[in-house]
């Protein structure tokens, strides 16, 4: 592998990582993957045994002369794990410390659109005031704030097609809310190959903003994604607490990375998901 790979990825074994790693390899990106309990560092520099919580000081020695352009931190915990949400803050701080100790010049820190609120139609911009309603969103926001620095870009990721609760849901048919206008929930999504291309650009960009929304330029509905994936759906009347629209303003991202028109469409996102599934 090249002596300056694009990424050192922490958390490559999660839902997003399992789709993103094949997508990055399809792009020809140089990768170093870390995981707890993995085998020793391989000759092609693709995997090393390292946990940021167990021994953050060990990273420079494990990397040797290799200096990835960026550390991509996907590791974290979600409500489904049952773990303390504060672990997201601890992991972010440990990874940032390790990256700086190892001389990695950029950290791309996976945050979430959950840092924003709910109950509004307008897209959320990075500069909007935030008041996350969930413990997960509050932990991600605290992670952003405690890890802020000129070498850090917090990525407020919407939904990654194939790693989200819709497409990973084993229930058949899928149960979707139907709102008074007849539509299903509308969200900001991005396909795994689009995400890989975005991240590769961000890893080597001369400068980045401290916070960046990550999604395709235009949102999609969950119904459109289900149809594109040929998944059977049952619609129910949306309860009063359901959120019809939670979307991101991705104009800032578009100034850094151009998108093709079809990257905002459900069929393209589903095609990207299937390509990465087949590549694993």
Foldseek 3Di string as FASTA:
>chain_A
DDLAFAEEEEPLPAQLNLLQVLLLVVVVGGYAYEDAPDDDQDPSRHYHHDDLVPCLLCVLVSSPSRAYLEYEYPDADDVVVVDQLLVLLVRLVSNLVSNVSNVRQAYEYEAALQQADADDADADEPPDDGDRPDSNNVNSVNSLVVNFDQRYEYEHEKAEPRSDCLNVPPDAQAEFAAEPVRFTAKEFYFASNRVSVLSSLVSPPPGDDNYAYDGPQGIDGSVQLCVLVVHHYDYDHDDPPDGRYHYHHHVRSCVRDPDDPCRNGNNVRVVSSVVSVVSD
